Structures are given as structure tokens and as C-alpha cells.
Amino acid sequence: MRLLIATDAWKPQVNGVVRSLEEMAKHAGAFGAEAVFITPLDFLSVPMPTYPEIRLSLTYPRRIARMIDRMEPTHIHIATEGPIGFATRSVCLSRGIPFTTSYHTRFPEYLAARAPIRPQWTYALIRRFHNAGSGVMVATPSLELELSNIGFRGIMRWSRGVDTDLFRPRTERVLDVPGPIFLTVSRLSVEKNIAAFLALDLPGTKVVVGDGPARQDLKKIDPSAVFLGSLSGERLASVYASADAFVFPSLTDTFGLVLLEALASGVPVAAYPVTGPLDIVGGTGCGVLDHDLRSAALAALDCDRDACRAHAEKFSWLESASQFFGNIRSADGPATDTGREAA
């Protein structure tokens, strides 16, 4: 299998979509596959309004078609509903090429947080985008139920994983601040609801890892909170392991890889009882889900850290890749004629 993945989310962005796709490419060989990409790095781009860190690619179907001809994939997966995703979808539909998609982001809610656009209008467009494919991959059972109830078809499960060698409990604590330490790791933008975390009346210290357009406004909410900016690798893993509880205030994420990273580090989770936390943490004893986020954060301090680690070890990137490539094969069949056009 030579799988072409078309994605509007790519490096240098730091998010769950990019990380998941990188891991799929890394594990492709174990499933007799090779992954090639069409990404924003292939095009000129412009900054997204209200969020300049995200670039919107300037592309069109004919150029995407030439790239598909050159790459000669046997299968195509469209990861995002941006300019690259829509252009690739257009080419596939015009040539009769089967393709799969994945639903990573609650784009309707994100858009509604920035503009007076009702989510149901955007969902109609997104539903049409995904229903044109052979199948749409989602990360959790609750998201599958939610989307099926509003007319999404061909839903397939694709869970996620965590690097348990990097993210692990550690004896050394790198954060020299008063405890207990309540940590969140996130893109700092309005839809992530970090303001709800910073507004909590909690003992000890709140620590925020990540960057984004809302950073300066968020710093005003709690001047005592510690903002560390974007971190990765060993430095990020060490910060996770230094926390006493991980607070996840998002109401719009479809999974939340950071939940697994915290649990793998032996850190219990506090979150709202919504998609993502419900699927990963609910009923495990590895965190507390409550509509009162302060109560959840305080109660999470009493959770068993060893149980958090043991639960995270159930999520591997190898198993995630097995689901992903299995979905591609079952949805599209063994190979696809990508319809190379005559020069």
C-alpha cells in the first residue's frame, strides 16, 4: 500500500492531528504500507484570520491532481477539512477515486467561537465533506455516537496512542514552585477554554504549557500562573511528571492526546464529563470528571498515580496504526486506480 495523506495540519504546528499523522507514517512499514504526504509545506499560504499561527494553503484541484499523478498512491486519506482537504476531495470525486477521511476537530464550534456562524450550518458542510468518502475515522465511542446522530455515515474507530518511554513517572521534579501543581498543556486559543482553568480558586500553582493567540489575555486572568511556552521532548515529559494533577478544561476536543501523556506520566486528570475525557478517563479511577472543574481538580489529587500509568499503557501507537491501516484497507479495498491523466 502506498498511502497518500492530504492534510492542512502539519509542522511546525504542534497539535494532536500532526502528532497522530507522524506516528502513522512512522509505523506504516509494520503494516506493509508507505505513507506520503501533501501538506501546507508544498504551497504558498496565508495566515488564518484571528489565528495567524495556522497557515491556509493557496492551492486548487488541478495542482493537487498533478501531485497525485506524480506520487502514484494506491490509497488516499484526507485528514482535514481545509483548502488541501477540499481540493483533494474534489480530485477524488471527479476521478471516481475512493478515499477515507478522519474527523479530528470540532470545526463548527471553533468557528462559532470566533464569528456569529451557527454550528449547525457548518456541520451541514462538514457532514457533506465526510459522507462523500468511503469512511470517516473517529477516535472515541462517544464521538461516533454523536456524529452518527447527526447523519454522518461510514464511521470507523481509530483510537490514539502515547509514547510511554518518553512520558513516564520520574523522581526528579523540575518545577520549583509551590504545590500542589495543577498543569494544563494546550494550544492557547479561545476554543480550548483555558480561561476556565485559570479562573479556578486552587491552592498551590497553576502551570500552563503551550502558546497561541490568546496567551497575553490569559496571563491577565491569573498573574500568579506560570506560563512556560511551547515545550517538547524530554523537557515537556519532565514537566508532566512534576505535576500533581492535570486539568483539561476543553469542551470541544475530540480526543485529547495530552490526557494520555499526563496519565502515562502518572498524573491524574481533572476534566469536564465530555467527549474525550469520558472515553479515556471515565470509570477508570485515573481522574475525576465533574461539571465543577474546581472540585474535579481537588479530588484528582487523591487518585492513584500507579493506576494512571497502568491505564495509559493500554494505549499504544502500534495498535493505533493497526486500526488506521486496517480501516484504509477495509474501506477502499486492496488498491485504487488513481486515474492518472494524460500529460
Protein backbone atom coordinates (compact mmCIF):
# COMPACT_ATOMS: atom_id res chain seq x y z
CA MET A 1 0.00 0.00 0.00
CA ARG A 2 1.23 3.47 -0.91
CA LEU A 3 -0.99 5.80 1.09
CA LEU A 4 -1.28 9.46 0.27
CA ILE A 5 -2.34 11.54 3.28
CA ALA A 6 -3.63 15.02 2.44
CA THR A 7 -3.57 17.32 5.46
CA ASP A 8 -3.87 21.03 6.18
CA ALA A 9 -2.36 20.44 9.64
CA TRP A 10 1.40 19.93 9.57
CA LYS A 11 4.67 21.05 11.07
CA PRO A 12 5.56 23.49 12.54
CA GLN A 13 2.08 23.25 14.09
CA VAL A 14 2.09 21.40 17.41
CA ASN A 15 -1.19 19.55 17.88
CA GLY A 16 -2.78 16.14 18.08
CA VAL A 17 -3.51 15.91 14.36
CA VAL A 18 0.12 16.42 13.37
CA ARG A 19 1.39 14.05 16.06
CA SER A 20 -1.07 11.32 15.08
CA LEU A 21 -0.19 11.52 11.39
CA GLU A 22 3.53 11.46 12.15
CA GLU A 23 3.04 8.31 14.22
CA MET A 24 1.05 6.65 11.42
CA ALA A 25 3.89 7.34 8.98
CA LYS A 26 6.42 6.00 11.49
CA HIS A 27 4.54 2.71 11.92
CA ALA A 28 3.40 2.28 8.31
CA GLY A 29 6.09 -0.28 7.47
CA ALA A 30 4.79 -2.68 10.11
CA PHE A 31 1.58 -2.95 8.10
CA GLY A 32 3.05 -3.24 4.63
CA ALA A 33 2.43 0.40 3.87
CA GLU A 34 4.28 3.56 2.88
CA ALA A 35 2.88 6.99 3.74
CA VAL A 36 3.44 10.06 1.54
CA PHE A 37 2.00 13.47 2.25
CA ILE A 38 0.51 16.59 0.71
CA THR A 39 0.91 19.33 3.33
CA PRO A 40 0.99 23.14 3.60
CA LEU A 41 4.76 22.97 3.08
CA ASP A 42 4.03 22.25 -0.59
CA PHE A 43 2.26 25.57 -1.24
CA LEU A 44 2.27 29.28 -0.67
CA SER A 45 -0.01 30.14 2.23
CA VAL A 46 -1.67 32.99 4.09
CA PRO A 47 -2.29 33.35 7.83
CA MET A 48 -5.68 32.24 9.08
CA PRO A 49 -7.78 35.22 10.24
CA THR A 50 -7.76 35.53 14.08
CA TYR A 51 -5.16 32.73 14.28
CA PRO A 52 -2.04 33.68 12.27
CA GLU A 53 -0.02 30.71 13.57
CA ILE A 54 -2.14 28.49 11.30
CA ARG A 55 -1.47 28.93 7.59
CA LEU A 56 -4.07 28.39 4.88
CA SER A 57 -2.63 26.87 1.71
CA LEU A 58 -3.21 28.53 -1.65
CA THR A 59 -3.95 25.52 -3.82
CA TYR A 60 -6.53 24.21 -6.27
CA PRO A 61 -7.68 20.80 -7.57
CA ARG A 62 -5.62 20.77 -10.77
CA ARG A 63 -2.38 21.20 -8.86
CA ILE A 64 -3.40 18.51 -6.38
CA ALA A 65 -4.22 16.22 -9.31
CA ARG A 66 -0.69 16.63 -10.70
CA MET A 67 0.77 15.79 -7.29
CA ILE A 68 -1.38 12.67 -7.06
CA ASP A 69 -0.21 11.60 -10.53
CA ARG A 70 3.41 12.07 -9.52
CA MET A 71 3.09 10.23 -6.18
CA GLU A 72 1.06 7.32 -7.65
CA PRO A 73 -0.70 6.29 -4.43
CA THR A 74 -2.80 3.15 -4.15
CA HIS A 75 -4.98 4.70 -1.43
CA ILE A 76 -5.86 8.26 -0.36
CA HIS A 77 -6.73 9.56 3.09
CA ILE A 78 -7.92 13.14 3.69
CA ALA A 79 -7.15 14.23 7.24
CA THR A 80 -8.58 17.76 7.38
CA GLU A 81 -11.39 19.92 6.02
CA GLY A 82 -9.16 22.79 4.87
CA PRO A 83 -8.06 24.02 1.43
CA ILE A 84 -5.87 20.95 0.83
CA GLY A 85 -8.58 18.60 2.03
CA PHE A 86 -11.30 20.13 -0.12
CA ALA A 87 -9.09 20.24 -3.22
CA THR A 88 -8.05 16.60 -2.77
CA ARG A 89 -11.68 15.58 -2.23
CA SER A 90 -12.61 17.38 -5.47
CA VAL A 91 -9.99 15.45 -7.44
CA CYS A 92 -11.05 12.12 -5.95
CA LEU A 93 -14.71 12.70 -6.72
CA SER A 94 -14.02 13.87 -10.29
CA ARG A 95 -11.91 10.79 -10.99
CA GLY A 96 -14.03 8.31 -9.05
CA ILE A 97 -11.19 7.55 -6.62
CA PRO A 98 -12.28 6.09 -3.25
CA PHE A 99 -10.92 7.93 -0.22
CA THR A 100 -11.24 7.90 3.54
CA THR A 101 -11.33 10.86 5.91
CA SER A 102 -10.84 11.46 9.62
CA TYR A 103 -12.68 13.78 11.97
CA HIS A 104 -10.18 15.44 14.30
CA THR A 105 -11.54 18.87 15.08
CA ARG A 106 -14.87 20.37 16.09
CA PHE A 107 -14.51 23.00 13.42
CA PRO A 108 -18.14 24.23 13.73
CA GLU A 109 -17.64 25.05 17.41
CA TYR A 110 -14.24 26.61 16.74
CA LEU A 111 -15.73 28.84 14.06
CA ALA A 112 -18.69 29.80 16.27
CA ALA A 113 -16.24 30.92 18.98
CA ARG A 114 -14.76 33.43 16.53
CA ALA A 115 -17.69 34.52 14.36
CA PRO A 116 -21.51 34.65 14.52
CA ILE A 117 -21.93 31.44 12.49
CA ARG A 118 -24.32 28.82 13.84
CA PRO A 119 -22.65 25.39 14.29
CA GLN A 120 -25.49 23.53 12.56
CA TRP A 121 -24.77 25.41 9.34
CA THR A 122 -21.12 24.40 9.43
CA TYR A 123 -21.97 20.83 10.42
CA ALA A 124 -24.06 20.50 7.26
CA LEU A 125 -20.98 21.36 5.18
CA ILE A 126 -18.65 19.12 7.21
CA ARG A 127 -21.11 16.20 7.06
CA ARG A 128 -21.29 16.51 3.28
CA PHE A 129 -17.49 16.61 3.12
CA HIS A 130 -17.04 13.36 5.03
CA ASN A 131 -20.04 11.43 3.72
CA ALA A 132 -18.60 11.61 0.19
CA GLY A 133 -15.79 9.27 1.24
CA SER A 134 -15.64 5.53 1.83
CA GLY A 135 -15.46 6.02 5.59
CA VAL A 136 -14.70 8.58 8.28
CA MET A 137 -12.45 7.72 11.21
CA VAL A 138 -13.21 8.96 14.72
CA ALA A 139 -11.27 8.50 17.93
CA THR A 140 -13.88 7.59 20.53
CA PRO A 141 -17.22 5.80 21.02
CA SER A 142 -18.95 8.94 22.29
CA LEU A 143 -17.87 10.93 19.22
CA GLU A 144 -19.04 8.08 16.97
CA LEU A 145 -22.48 8.19 18.59
CA GLU A 146 -22.64 11.98 18.42
CA LEU A 147 -21.78 12.15 14.72
CA SER A 148 -24.00 9.23 13.73
CA ASN A 149 -26.92 11.00 15.39
CA ILE A 150 -26.48 13.98 13.06
CA GLY A 151 -26.18 11.99 9.85
CA PHE A 152 -22.50 11.03 9.44
CA ARG A 153 -22.13 7.67 7.67
CA GLY A 154 -19.42 5.01 7.38
CA ILE A 155 -17.92 5.78 10.79
CA MET A 156 -14.84 3.74 11.75
CA ARG A 157 -12.92 3.75 15.02
CA TRP A 158 -9.31 4.99 15.15
CA SER A 159 -8.01 5.43 18.67
CA ARG A 160 -4.70 7.08 19.57
CA GLY A 161 -1.56 6.14 21.45
CA VAL A 162 1.14 7.56 23.68
CA ASP A 163 4.92 7.18 23.91
CA THR A 164 5.20 5.50 27.31
CA ASP A 165 9.02 5.53 27.14
CA LEU A 166 9.12 9.32 26.95
CA PHE A 167 6.10 10.09 29.11
CA ARG A 168 6.70 8.23 32.37
CA PRO A 169 6.78 8.86 36.12
CA ARG A 170 10.05 10.46 37.27
CA THR A 171 11.55 11.01 40.69
CA GLU A 172 13.06 14.39 39.84
CA ARG A 173 10.72 17.38 39.80
CA VAL A 174 11.76 20.22 37.52
CA LEU A 175 9.15 22.77 38.61
CA ASP A 176 10.36 24.78 41.60
CA VAL A 177 7.01 26.32 42.53
CA PRO A 178 4.65 25.89 45.50
CA GLY A 179 2.49 22.77 45.36
CA PRO A 180 0.16 21.27 44.62
CA ILE A 181 0.95 21.85 40.95
CA PHE A 182 -2.02 21.92 38.58
CA LEU A 183 -0.86 21.59 34.98
CA THR A 184 -2.51 22.11 31.63
CA VAL A 185 -0.91 21.60 28.20
CA SER A 186 -2.72 23.15 25.27
CA ARG A 187 -2.78 25.48 22.33
CA LEU A 188 -3.67 28.86 23.82
CA SER A 189 -6.74 29.79 21.83
CA VAL A 190 -10.29 30.64 22.76
CA GLU A 191 -11.84 27.27 21.92
CA LYS A 192 -9.55 25.44 24.35
CA ASN A 193 -11.28 27.12 27.33
CA ILE A 194 -8.03 27.69 29.23
CA ALA A 195 -9.66 30.72 30.85
CA ALA A 196 -11.88 28.34 32.85
CA PHE A 197 -8.79 26.69 34.32
CA LEU A 198 -7.07 29.96 35.16
CA ALA A 199 -10.18 31.30 36.86
CA LEU A 200 -10.31 28.42 39.35
CA ASP A 201 -9.59 29.13 43.00
CA LEU A 202 -6.97 26.47 43.67
CA PRO A 203 -4.14 26.09 46.17
CA GLY A 204 -0.53 25.86 45.02
CA THR A 205 0.40 26.83 41.46
CA LYS A 206 -1.19 26.67 38.03
CA VAL A 207 1.24 25.87 35.24
CA VAL A 208 0.42 26.36 31.55
CA VAL A 209 2.42 24.78 28.71
CA GLY A 210 1.70 25.90 25.16
CA ASP A 211 1.36 29.02 23.06
CA GLY A 212 -1.19 30.68 20.85
CA PRO A 213 -3.05 33.89 20.09
CA ALA A 214 -4.81 34.08 23.48
CA ARG A 215 -1.66 33.94 25.59
CA GLN A 216 -1.47 37.59 26.64
CA ASP A 217 -5.17 37.77 27.53
CA LEU A 218 -4.94 34.54 29.51
CA LYS A 219 -1.98 35.79 31.55
CA LYS A 220 -4.18 38.61 32.85
CA ILE A 221 -6.69 36.19 34.40
CA ASP A 222 -4.26 34.81 36.98
CA PRO A 223 -0.99 36.75 37.18
CA SER A 224 0.41 34.11 39.55
CA ALA A 225 0.10 31.31 36.98
CA VAL A 226 3.33 30.11 35.38
CA PHE A 227 3.41 30.14 31.56
CA LEU A 228 6.22 28.02 30.12
CA GLY A 229 5.50 28.43 26.41
CA SER A 230 5.72 25.53 23.95
CA LEU A 231 7.76 22.54 25.11
CA SER A 232 8.55 19.18 23.57
CA GLY A 233 10.54 16.02 24.17
CA GLU A 234 12.28 15.44 27.49
CA ARG A 235 11.55 18.93 28.77
CA LEU A 236 7.80 18.50 28.24
CA ALA A 237 7.84 14.99 29.72
CA SER A 238 9.69 16.24 32.81
CA VAL A 239 7.12 18.97 33.36
CA TYR A 240 4.26 16.48 33.12
CA ALA A 241 5.89 14.24 35.71
CA SER A 242 6.35 17.19 38.07
CA ALA A 243 2.62 17.93 38.26
CA ASP A 244 0.21 16.76 40.93
CA ALA A 245 -2.87 16.94 38.71
CA PHE A 246 -3.56 17.60 35.05
CA VAL A 247 -6.51 19.90 34.34
CA PHE A 248 -8.17 19.60 30.94
CA PRO A 249 -10.77 22.38 30.56
CA SER A 250 -11.62 21.87 26.89
CA LEU A 251 -15.24 21.25 25.95
CA THR A 252 -14.57 20.80 22.22
CA ASP A 253 -11.70 18.32 21.76
CA THR A 254 -12.48 15.04 20.01
CA PHE A 255 -9.86 13.04 21.96
CA GLY A 256 -7.06 14.84 23.80
CA LEU A 257 -3.63 13.25 23.40
CA VAL A 258 -2.45 15.33 26.34
CA LEU A 259 -4.72 13.24 28.58
CA LEU A 260 -2.74 10.13 27.68
CA GLU A 261 0.58 11.94 28.13
CA ALA A 262 -0.44 13.03 31.62
CA LEU A 263 -1.67 9.57 32.60
CA ALA A 264 1.47 7.92 31.22
CA SER A 265 3.44 10.30 33.47
CA GLY A 266 1.45 9.05 36.46
CA VAL A 267 -0.57 12.27 36.73
CA PRO A 268 -4.34 12.05 37.39
CA VAL A 269 -6.76 14.06 35.26
CA ALA A 270 -9.45 16.59 36.13
CA ALA A 271 -11.86 17.45 33.34
CA TYR A 272 -15.44 18.08 32.37
CA PRO A 273 -17.56 14.97 31.57
CA VAL A 274 -17.45 15.45 27.79
CA THR A 275 -16.22 13.58 24.70
CA GLY A 276 -12.55 12.72 25.13
CA PRO A 277 -12.29 12.68 28.93
CA LEU A 278 -15.37 10.46 29.19
CA ASP A 279 -13.82 7.94 26.82
CA ILE A 280 -10.28 7.99 28.20
CA VAL A 281 -10.77 8.66 31.92
CA GLY A 282 -14.39 7.87 32.70
CA GLY A 283 -14.85 4.94 35.07
CA THR A 284 -11.12 4.22 35.38
CA GLY A 285 -10.32 5.83 38.72
CA CYS A 286 -7.49 7.71 36.98
CA GLY A 287 -9.10 11.10 37.33
CA VAL A 288 -12.25 12.98 38.21
CA LEU A 289 -14.85 14.28 35.77
CA ASP A 290 -17.22 16.93 37.05
CA HIS A 291 -19.09 19.94 35.74
CA ASP A 292 -17.48 21.73 38.71
CA LEU A 293 -13.91 21.80 37.43
CA ARG A 294 -12.50 23.07 40.75
CA SER A 295 -13.99 20.12 42.62
CA ALA A 296 -12.60 17.76 40.00
CA ALA A 297 -9.12 19.28 40.26
CA LEU A 298 -9.01 19.00 44.04
CA ALA A 299 -10.40 15.46 44.07
CA ALA A 300 -7.91 14.33 41.41
CA LEU A 301 -5.08 14.89 43.90
CA ASP A 302 -6.22 11.74 45.72
CA CYS A 303 -6.16 9.43 42.68
CA ASP A 304 -3.71 6.52 42.48
CA ARG A 305 -0.78 7.60 40.30
CA ASP A 306 0.27 3.99 39.62
CA ALA A 307 -3.22 3.28 38.27
CA CYS A 308 -2.88 6.27 35.92
CA ARG A 309 0.32 4.85 34.47
CA ALA A 310 -1.15 1.36 34.11
CA HIS A 311 -4.18 2.68 32.24
CA ALA A 312 -2.07 4.72 29.80
CA GLU A 313 -0.03 1.63 28.94
CA LYS A 314 -3.13 0.20 27.26
CA PHE A 315 -2.81 2.84 24.51
CA SER A 316 -0.01 2.19 22.02
CA TRP A 317 0.77 3.89 18.73
CA LEU A 318 1.31 0.45 17.17
CA GLU A 319 -2.28 -0.56 17.95
CA SER A 320 -3.47 2.84 16.73
CA ALA A 321 -1.67 2.28 13.42
CA SER A 322 -3.16 -1.21 13.16
CA GLN A 323 -6.63 0.33 13.36
CA PHE A 324 -5.75 3.11 10.93
CA PHE A 325 -4.30 0.99 8.14
CA GLY A 326 -6.95 -1.69 8.71
CA ASN A 327 -9.63 0.94 8.18
CA ILE A 328 -7.98 2.10 4.96
CA ARG A 329 -7.92 -1.41 3.53
CA SER A 330 -11.44 -2.34 4.60
CA ALA A 331 -12.94 0.91 3.28
CA ASP A 332 -11.10 1.22 -0.04
CA GLY A 333 -10.16 -2.34 -0.90
CA PRO A 334 -6.66 -3.63 -1.72
CA ALA A 335 -5.71 -0.96 -4.28
CA THR A 336 -7.08 2.03 -6.14
CA ASP A 337 -6.62 3.32 -9.68
CA THR A 338 -5.91 6.99 -9.03
CA GLY A 339 -6.86 7.87 -12.60
CA ARG A 340 -3.64 9.38 -13.95
CA GLU A 341 -4.50 11.89 -16.62
CA ALA A 342 -2.63 12.05 -19.90
CA ALA A 343 0.11 14.65 -19.97
